[in-house]
Amino acid sequence: SAAIGVAAADLLPHFSIAGNISLQA
């Protein structure tokens, strides 16, 4: 039953955040 919800979520947009933080010199 829960696997149905996992598959249904793929019908919708996937929101994500990507980023990095670094020290450069």
mmCIF file of all heavy atoms, coordinates in Angstrom:
data_MODEL
# 
_entry.id   MODEL 
# 
loop_
_atom_site.group_PDB 
_atom_site.id 
_atom_site.type_symbol 
_atom_site.label_atom_id 
_atom_site.label_alt_id 
_atom_site.label_comp_id 
_atom_site.label_asym_id 
_atom_site.label_entity_id 
_atom_site.label_seq_id 
_atom_site.pdbx_PDB_ins_code 
_atom_site.Cartn_x 
_atom_site.Cartn_y 
_atom_site.Cartn_z 
_atom_site.occupancy 
_atom_site.B_iso_or_equiv 
_atom_site.pdbx_formal_charge 
_atom_site.auth_seq_id 
_atom_site.auth_comp_id 
_atom_site.auth_asym_id 
_atom_site.auth_atom_id 
_atom_site.pdbx_PDB_model_num 
ATOM 1   N N   . SER A 1 1  ? 0.831  -1.205 0.000   1.00 0.00 ? 1  SER A N   1 
ATOM 2   C CA  . SER A 1 1  ? 0.000  0.000  0.000   1.00 0.00 ? 1  SER A CA  1 
ATOM 3   C C   . SER A 1 1  ? 0.866  1.255  0.000   1.00 0.00 ? 1  SER A C   1 
ATOM 4   O O   . SER A 1 1  ? 0.599  2.213  -0.732  1.00 0.00 ? 1  SER A O   1 
ATOM 5   C CB  . SER A 1 1  ? -0.923 -0.010 1.225   1.00 0.00 ? 1  SER A CB  1 
ATOM 6   O OG  . SER A 1 1  ? -1.651 1.197  1.321   1.00 0.00 ? 1  SER A OG  1 
ATOM 7   N N   . ALA A 1 2  ? 1.916  1.248  0.811   1.00 0.00 ? 2  ALA A N   1 
ATOM 8   C CA  . ALA A 1 2  ? 2.819  2.402  0.842   1.00 0.00 ? 2  ALA A CA  1 
ATOM 9   C C   . ALA A 1 2  ? 3.572  2.546  -0.471  1.00 0.00 ? 2  ALA A C   1 
ATOM 10  O O   . ALA A 1 2  ? 3.906  3.665  -0.890  1.00 0.00 ? 2  ALA A O   1 
ATOM 11  C CB  . ALA A 1 2  ? 3.799  2.266  2.005   1.00 0.00 ? 2  ALA A CB  1 
ATOM 12  N N   . ALA A 1 3  ? 3.841  1.420  -1.154  1.00 0.00 ? 3  ALA A N   1 
ATOM 13  C CA  . ALA A 1 3  ? 4.547  1.482  -2.435  1.00 0.00 ? 3  ALA A CA  1 
ATOM 14  C C   . ALA A 1 3  ? 3.730  2.237  -3.486  1.00 0.00 ? 3  ALA A C   1 
ATOM 15  O O   . ALA A 1 3  ? 4.302  2.831  -4.411  1.00 0.00 ? 3  ALA A O   1 
ATOM 16  C CB  . ALA A 1 3  ? 4.871  0.069  -2.924  1.00 0.00 ? 3  ALA A CB  1 
ATOM 17  N N   . ILE A 1 4  ? 2.405  2.231  -3.363  1.00 0.00 ? 4  ILE A N   1 
ATOM 18  C CA  . ILE A 1 4  ? 1.564  3.006  -4.290  1.00 0.00 ? 4  ILE A CA  1 
ATOM 19  C C   . ILE A 1 4  ? 1.863  4.492  -4.134  1.00 0.00 ? 4  ILE A C   1 
ATOM 20  O O   . ILE A 1 4  ? 1.984  5.231  -5.121  1.00 0.00 ? 4  ILE A O   1 
ATOM 21  C CB  . ILE A 1 4  ? 0.072  2.717  -4.030  1.00 0.00 ? 4  ILE A CB  1 
ATOM 22  C CG1 . ILE A 1 4  ? -0.236 1.243  -4.254  1.00 0.00 ? 4  ILE A CG1 1 
ATOM 23  C CG2 . ILE A 1 4  ? -0.805 3.579  -4.933  1.00 0.00 ? 4  ILE A CG2 1 
ATOM 24  C CD1 . ILE A 1 4  ? -1.657 0.853  -3.884  1.00 0.00 ? 4  ILE A CD1 1 
ATOM 25  N N   . GLY A 1 5  ? 1.986  4.959  -2.895  1.00 0.00 ? 5  GLY A N   1 
ATOM 26  C CA  . GLY A 1 5  ? 2.308  6.361  -2.659  1.00 0.00 ? 5  GLY A CA  1 
ATOM 27  C C   . GLY A 1 5  ? 3.667  6.745  -3.192  1.00 0.00 ? 5  GLY A C   1 
ATOM 28  O O   . GLY A 1 5  ? 3.858  7.850  -3.710  1.00 0.00 ? 5  GLY A O   1 
ATOM 29  N N   . VAL A 1 6  ? 4.643  5.823  -3.085  1.00 0.00 ? 6  VAL A N   1 
ATOM 30  C CA  . VAL A 1 6  ? 5.979  6.097  -3.631  1.00 0.00 ? 6  VAL A CA  1 
ATOM 31  C C   . VAL A 1 6  ? 5.900  6.300  -5.134  1.00 0.00 ? 6  VAL A C   1 
ATOM 32  O O   . VAL A 1 6  ? 6.494  7.232  -5.696  1.00 0.00 ? 6  VAL A O   1 
ATOM 33  C CB  . VAL A 1 6  ? 6.938  4.942  -3.285  1.00 0.00 ? 6  VAL A CB  1 
ATOM 34  C CG1 . VAL A 1 6  ? 8.299  5.162  -3.956  1.00 0.00 ? 6  VAL A CG1 1 
ATOM 35  C CG2 . VAL A 1 6  ? 7.117  4.831  -1.769  1.00 0.00 ? 6  VAL A CG2 1 
ATOM 36  N N   . ALA A 1 7  ? 5.145  5.428  -5.813  1.00 0.00 ? 7  ALA A N   1 
ATOM 37  C CA  . ALA A 1 7  ? 5.008  5.541  -7.263  1.00 0.00 ? 7  ALA A CA  1 
ATOM 38  C C   . ALA A 1 7  ? 4.202  6.774  -7.655  1.00 0.00 ? 7  ALA A C   1 
ATOM 39  O O   . ALA A 1 7  ? 4.508  7.442  -8.650  1.00 0.00 ? 7  ALA A O   1 
ATOM 40  C CB  . ALA A 1 7  ? 4.357  4.279  -7.824  1.00 0.00 ? 7  ALA A CB  1 
ATOM 41  N N   . ALA A 1 8  ? 3.167  7.103  -6.883  1.00 0.00 ? 8  ALA A N   1 
ATOM 42  C CA  . ALA A 1 8  ? 2.329  8.264  -7.203  1.00 0.00 ? 8  ALA A CA  1 
ATOM 43  C C   . ALA A 1 8  ? 3.110  9.564  -7.100  1.00 0.00 ? 8  ALA A C   1 
ATOM 44  O O   . ALA A 1 8  ? 2.854  10.521 -7.844  1.00 0.00 ? 8  ALA A O   1 
ATOM 45  C CB  . ALA A 1 8  ? 1.107  8.301  -6.287  1.00 0.00 ? 8  ALA A CB  1 
ATOM 46  N N   . ALA A 1 9  ? 4.070  9.626  -6.188  1.00 0.00 ? 9  ALA A N   1 
ATOM 47  C CA  . ALA A 1 9  ? 4.869  10.843 -6.029  1.00 0.00 ? 9  ALA A CA  1 
ATOM 48  C C   . ALA A 1 9  ? 5.688  11.156 -7.270  1.00 0.00 ? 9  ALA A C   1 
ATOM 49  O O   . ALA A 1 9  ? 6.027  12.320 -7.523  1.00 0.00 ? 9  ALA A O   1 
ATOM 50  C CB  . ALA A 1 9  ? 5.778  10.708 -4.810  1.00 0.00 ? 9  ALA A CB  1 
ATOM 51  N N   . ASP A 1 10 ? 5.990  10.147 -8.063  1.00 0.00 ? 10 ASP A N   1 
ATOM 52  C CA  . ASP A 1 10 ? 6.766  10.380 -9.285  1.00 0.00 ? 10 ASP A CA  1 
ATOM 53  C C   . ASP A 1 10 ? 5.961  11.121 -10.352 1.00 0.00 ? 10 ASP A C   1 
ATOM 54  O O   . ASP A 1 10 ? 6.538  11.599 -11.334 1.00 0.00 ? 10 ASP A O   1 
ATOM 55  C CB  . ASP A 1 10 ? 7.265  9.055  -9.851  1.00 0.00 ? 10 ASP A CB  1 
ATOM 56  C CG  . ASP A 1 10 ? 8.371  8.447  -9.001  1.00 0.00 ? 10 ASP A CG  1 
ATOM 57  O OD1 . ASP A 1 10 ? 9.061  9.216  -8.299  1.00 0.00 ? 10 ASP A OD1 1 
ATOM 58  O OD2 . ASP A 1 10 ? 8.544  7.217  -9.027  1.00 0.00 ? 10 ASP A OD2 1 
ATOM 59  N N   . LEU A 1 11 ? 4.639  11.215 -10.186 1.00 0.00 ? 11 LEU A N   1 
ATOM 60  C CA  . LEU A 1 11 ? 3.811  11.961 -11.132 1.00 0.00 ? 11 LEU A CA  1 
ATOM 61  C C   . LEU A 1 11 ? 3.963  13.470 -10.960 1.00 0.00 ? 11 LEU A C   1 
ATOM 62  O O   . LEU A 1 11 ? 3.574  14.238 -11.841 1.00 0.00 ? 11 LEU A O   1 
ATOM 63  C CB  . LEU A 1 11 ? 2.333  11.593 -10.953 1.00 0.00 ? 11 LEU A CB  1 
ATOM 64  C CG  . LEU A 1 11 ? 1.939  10.137 -11.266 1.00 0.00 ? 11 LEU A CG  1 
ATOM 65  C CD1 . LEU A 1 11 ? 0.514  9.877  -10.804 1.00 0.00 ? 11 LEU A CD1 1 
ATOM 66  C CD2 . LEU A 1 11 ? 2.072  9.869  -12.763 1.00 0.00 ? 11 LEU A CD2 1 
ATOM 67  N N   . LEU A 1 12 ? 4.530  13.871 -9.842  1.00 0.00 ? 12 LEU A N   1 
ATOM 68  C CA  . LEU A 1 12 ? 4.581  15.283 -9.468  1.00 0.00 ? 12 LEU A CA  1 
ATOM 69  C C   . LEU A 1 12 ? 6.006  15.817 -9.572  1.00 0.00 ? 12 LEU A C   1 
ATOM 70  O O   . LEU A 1 12 ? 6.968  15.054 -9.673  1.00 0.00 ? 12 LEU A O   1 
ATOM 71  C CB  . LEU A 1 12 ? 4.053  15.439 -8.040  1.00 0.00 ? 12 LEU A CB  1 
ATOM 72  C CG  . LEU A 1 12 ? 2.605  14.976 -7.849  1.00 0.00 ? 12 LEU A CG  1 
ATOM 73  C CD1 . LEU A 1 12 ? 2.293  14.808 -6.379  1.00 0.00 ? 12 LEU A CD1 1 
ATOM 74  C CD2 . LEU A 1 12 ? 1.638  15.962 -8.494  1.00 0.00 ? 12 LEU A CD2 1 
ATOM 75  N N   . PRO A 1 13 ? 6.169  17.138 -9.532  1.00 0.00 ? 13 PRO A N   1 
ATOM 76  C CA  . PRO A 1 13 ? 7.518  17.717 -9.598  1.00 0.00 ? 13 PRO A CA  1 
ATOM 77  C C   . PRO A 1 13 ? 8.380  17.298 -8.408  1.00 0.00 ? 13 PRO A C   1 
ATOM 78  O O   . PRO A 1 13 ? 7.876  17.119 -7.301  1.00 0.00 ? 13 PRO A O   1 
ATOM 79  C CB  . PRO A 1 13 ? 7.257  19.228 -9.594  1.00 0.00 ? 13 PRO A CB  1 
ATOM 80  C CG  . PRO A 1 13 ? 5.836  19.386 -9.996  1.00 0.00 ? 13 PRO A CG  1 
ATOM 81  C CD  . PRO A 1 13 ? 5.120  18.180 -9.499  1.00 0.00 ? 13 PRO A CD  1 
ATOM 82  N N   . HIS A 1 14 ? 9.656  17.165 -8.661  1.00 0.00 ? 14 HIS A N   1 
ATOM 83  C CA  . HIS A 1 14 ? 10.611 16.839 -7.604  1.00 0.00 ? 14 HIS A CA  1 
ATOM 84  C C   . HIS A 1 14 ? 11.391 18.106 -7.256  1.00 0.00 ? 14 HIS A C   1 
ATOM 85  O O   . HIS A 1 14 ? 12.085 18.672 -8.102  1.00 0.00 ? 14 HIS A O   1 
ATOM 86  C CB  . HIS A 1 14 ? 11.580 15.757 -8.081  1.00 0.00 ? 14 HIS A CB  1 
ATOM 87  C CG  . HIS A 1 14 ? 10.909 14.478 -8.476  1.00 0.00 ? 14 HIS A CG  1 
ATOM 88  N ND1 . HIS A 1 14 ? 10.531 13.518 -7.572  1.00 0.00 ? 14 HIS A ND1 1 
ATOM 89  C CD2 . HIS A 1 14 ? 10.531 14.010 -9.694  1.00 0.00 ? 14 HIS A CD2 1 
ATOM 90  C CE1 . HIS A 1 14 ? 9.964  12.508 -8.211  1.00 0.00 ? 14 HIS A CE1 1 
ATOM 91  N NE2 . HIS A 1 14 ? 9.947  12.795 -9.505  1.00 0.00 ? 14 HIS A NE2 1 
ATOM 92  N N   . PHE A 1 15 ? 11.259 18.551 -6.032  1.00 0.00 ? 15 PHE A N   1 
ATOM 93  C CA  . PHE A 1 15 ? 11.917 19.778 -5.572  1.00 0.00 ? 15 PHE A CA  1 
ATOM 94  C C   . PHE A 1 15 ? 13.195 19.419 -4.833  1.00 0.00 ? 15 PHE A C   1 
ATOM 95  O O   . PHE A 1 15 ? 13.227 18.492 -4.021  1.00 0.00 ? 15 PHE A O   1 
ATOM 96  C CB  . PHE A 1 15 ? 10.987 20.581 -4.671  1.00 0.00 ? 15 PHE A CB  1 
ATOM 97  C CG  . PHE A 1 15 ? 9.752  21.044 -5.372  1.00 0.00 ? 15 PHE A CG  1 
ATOM 98  C CD1 . PHE A 1 15 ? 8.583  20.317 -5.287  1.00 0.00 ? 15 PHE A CD1 1 
ATOM 99  C CD2 . PHE A 1 15 ? 9.770  22.199 -6.138  1.00 0.00 ? 15 PHE A CD2 1 
ATOM 100 C CE1 . PHE A 1 15 ? 7.442  20.730 -5.944  1.00 0.00 ? 15 PHE A CE1 1 
ATOM 101 C CE2 . PHE A 1 15 ? 8.632  22.623 -6.799  1.00 0.00 ? 15 PHE A CE2 1 
ATOM 102 C CZ  . PHE A 1 15 ? 7.466  21.885 -6.706  1.00 0.00 ? 15 PHE A CZ  1 
ATOM 103 N N   . SER A 1 16 ? 14.238 20.166 -5.121  1.00 0.00 ? 16 SER A N   1 
ATOM 104 C CA  . SER A 1 16 ? 15.528 19.845 -4.538  1.00 0.00 ? 16 SER A CA  1 
ATOM 105 C C   . SER A 1 16 ? 16.317 21.116 -4.264  1.00 0.00 ? 16 SER A C   1 
ATOM 106 O O   . SER A 1 16 ? 16.018 22.195 -4.801  1.00 0.00 ? 16 SER A O   1 
ATOM 107 C CB  . SER A 1 16 ? 16.335 18.934 -5.471  1.00 0.00 ? 16 SER A CB  1 
ATOM 108 O OG  . SER A 1 16 ? 16.578 19.583 -6.706  1.00 0.00 ? 16 SER A OG  1 
ATOM 109 N N   . ILE A 1 17 ? 17.305 20.967 -3.434  1.00 0.00 ? 17 ILE A N   1 
ATOM 110 C CA  . ILE A 1 17 ? 18.260 22.034 -3.126  1.00 0.00 ? 17 ILE A CA  1 
ATOM 111 C C   . ILE A 1 17 ? 19.659 21.454 -3.284  1.00 0.00 ? 17 ILE A C   1 
ATOM 112 O O   . ILE A 1 17 ? 19.983 20.423 -2.691  1.00 0.00 ? 17 ILE A O   1 
ATOM 113 C CB  . ILE A 1 17 ? 18.067 22.572 -1.698  1.00 0.00 ? 17 ILE A CB  1 
ATOM 114 C CG1 . ILE A 1 17 ? 16.665 23.149 -1.507  1.00 0.00 ? 17 ILE A CG1 1 
ATOM 115 C CG2 . ILE A 1 17 ? 19.120 23.619 -1.376  1.00 0.00 ? 17 ILE A CG2 1 
ATOM 116 C CD1 . ILE A 1 17 ? 16.390 23.597 -0.087  1.00 0.00 ? 17 ILE A CD1 1 
ATOM 117 N N   . ALA A 1 18 ? 20.462 22.112 -4.083  1.00 0.00 ? 18 ALA A N   1 
ATOM 118 C CA  . ALA A 1 18 ? 21.856 21.720 -4.259  1.00 0.00 ? 18 ALA A CA  1 
ATOM 119 C C   . ALA A 1 18 ? 22.732 22.918 -3.913  1.00 0.00 ? 18 ALA A C   1 
ATOM 120 O O   . ALA A 1 18 ? 22.357 24.074 -4.148  1.00 0.00 ? 18 ALA A O   1 
ATOM 121 C CB  . ALA A 1 18 ? 22.120 21.261 -5.691  1.00 0.00 ? 18 ALA A CB  1 
ATOM 122 N N   . GLY A 1 19 ? 23.859 22.650 -3.377  1.00 0.00 ? 19 GLY A N   1 
ATOM 123 C CA  . GLY A 1 19 ? 24.755 23.753 -3.029  1.00 0.00 ? 19 GLY A CA  1 
ATOM 124 C C   . GLY A 1 19 ? 26.075 23.246 -2.508  1.00 0.00 ? 19 GLY A C   1 
ATOM 125 O O   . GLY A 1 19 ? 26.271 22.050 -2.297  1.00 0.00 ? 19 GLY A O   1 
ATOM 126 N N   . ASN A 1 20 ? 26.979 24.178 -2.351  1.00 0.00 ? 20 ASN A N   1 
ATOM 127 C CA  . ASN A 1 20 ? 28.255 23.832 -1.764  1.00 0.00 ? 20 ASN A CA  1 
ATOM 128 C C   . ASN A 1 20 ? 28.804 25.052 -1.049  1.00 0.00 ? 20 ASN A C   1 
ATOM 129 O O   . ASN A 1 20 ? 28.435 26.199 -1.323  1.00 0.00 ? 20 ASN A O   1 
ATOM 130 C CB  . ASN A 1 20 ? 29.238 23.325 -2.818  1.00 0.00 ? 20 ASN A CB  1 
ATOM 131 C CG  . ASN A 1 20 ? 29.639 24.400 -3.811  1.00 0.00 ? 20 ASN A CG  1 
ATOM 132 O OD1 . ASN A 1 20 ? 30.398 25.310 -3.472  1.00 0.00 ? 20 ASN A OD1 1 
ATOM 133 N ND2 . ASN A 1 20 ? 29.130 24.310 -5.046  1.00 0.00 ? 20 ASN A ND2 1 
ATOM 134 N N   . ILE A 1 21 ? 29.679 24.806 -0.140  1.00 0.00 ? 21 ILE A N   1 
ATOM 135 C CA  . ILE A 1 21 ? 30.384 25.851 0.589   1.00 0.00 ? 21 ILE A CA  1 
ATOM 136 C C   . ILE A 1 21 ? 31.851 25.452 0.633   1.00 0.00 ? 21 ILE A C   1 
ATOM 137 O O   . ILE A 1 21 ? 32.166 24.276 0.821   1.00 0.00 ? 21 ILE A O   1 
ATOM 138 C CB  . ILE A 1 21 ? 29.799 26.046 2.007   1.00 0.00 ? 21 ILE A CB  1 
ATOM 139 C CG1 . ILE A 1 21 ? 30.475 27.232 2.698   1.00 0.00 ? 21 ILE A CG1 1 
ATOM 140 C CG2 . ILE A 1 21 ? 29.912 24.780 2.840   1.00 0.00 ? 21 ILE A CG2 1 
ATOM 141 C CD1 . ILE A 1 21 ? 29.800 27.622 4.008   1.00 0.00 ? 21 ILE A CD1 1 
ATOM 142 N N   . SER A 1 22 ? 32.721 26.423 0.400   1.00 0.00 ? 22 SER A N   1 
ATOM 143 C CA  . SER A 1 22 ? 34.135 26.073 0.291   1.00 0.00 ? 22 SER A CA  1 
ATOM 144 C C   . SER A 1 22 ? 35.005 27.223 0.752   1.00 0.00 ? 22 SER A C   1 
ATOM 145 O O   . SER A 1 22 ? 34.542 28.371 0.921   1.00 0.00 ? 22 SER A O   1 
ATOM 146 C CB  . SER A 1 22 ? 34.483 25.708 -1.161  1.00 0.00 ? 22 SER A CB  1 
ATOM 147 O OG  . SER A 1 22 ? 34.275 26.817 -2.021  1.00 0.00 ? 22 SER A OG  1 
ATOM 148 N N   . LEU A 1 23 ? 36.266 26.916 0.928   1.00 0.00 ? 23 LEU A N   1 
ATOM 149 C CA  . LEU A 1 23 ? 37.308 27.894 1.221   1.00 0.00 ? 23 LEU A CA  1 
ATOM 150 C C   . LEU A 1 23 ? 38.292 27.854 0.060   1.00 0.00 ? 23 LEU A C   1 
ATOM 151 O O   . LEU A 1 23 ? 38.787 26.792 -0.316  1.00 0.00 ? 23 LEU A O   1 
ATOM 152 C CB  . LEU A 1 23 ? 38.009 27.560 2.537   1.00 0.00 ? 23 LEU A CB  1 
ATOM 153 C CG  . LEU A 1 23 ? 37.140 27.583 3.803   1.00 0.00 ? 23 LEU A CG  1 
ATOM 154 C CD1 . LEU A 1 23 ? 37.916 27.052 4.990   1.00 0.00 ? 23 LEU A CD1 1 
ATOM 155 C CD2 . LEU A 1 23 ? 36.641 29.011 4.086   1.00 0.00 ? 23 LEU A CD2 1 
ATOM 156 N N   . GLN A 1 24 ? 38.573 29.047 -0.525  1.00 0.00 ? 24 GLN A N   1 
ATOM 157 C CA  . GLN A 1 24 ? 39.448 29.119 -1.684  1.00 0.00 ? 24 GLN A CA  1 
ATOM 158 C C   . GLN A 1 24 ? 40.485 30.216 -1.461  1.00 0.00 ? 24 GLN A C   1 
ATOM 159 O O   . GLN A 1 24 ? 40.157 31.319 -1.010  1.00 0.00 ? 24 GLN A O   1 
ATOM 160 C CB  . GLN A 1 24 ? 38.639 29.428 -2.948  1.00 0.00 ? 24 GLN A CB  1 
ATOM 161 C CG  . GLN A 1 24 ? 37.546 28.418 -3.251  1.00 0.00 ? 24 GLN A CG  1 
ATOM 162 C CD  . GLN A 1 24 ? 36.734 28.776 -4.469  1.00 0.00 ? 24 GLN A CD  1 
ATOM 163 O OE1 . GLN A 1 24 ? 37.115 29.682 -5.228  1.00 0.00 ? 24 GLN A OE1 1 
ATOM 164 N NE2 . GLN A 1 24 ? 35.620 28.072 -4.669  1.00 0.00 ? 24 GLN A NE2 1 
ATOM 165 N N   . ALA A 1 25 ? 41.730 29.910 -1.791  1.00 0.00 ? 25 ALA A N   1 
ATOM 166 C CA  . ALA A 1 25 ? 42.811 30.898 -1.627  1.00 0.00 ? 25 ALA A CA  1 
ATOM 167 C C   . ALA A 1 25 ? 43.957 30.526 -2.551  1.00 0.00 ? 25 ALA A C   1 
ATOM 168 O O   . ALA A 1 25 ? 44.120 29.358 -2.936  1.00 0.00 ? 25 ALA A O   1 
ATOM 169 C CB  . ALA A 1 25 ? 43.283 30.941 -0.179  1.00 0.00 ? 25 ALA A CB  1 
# 
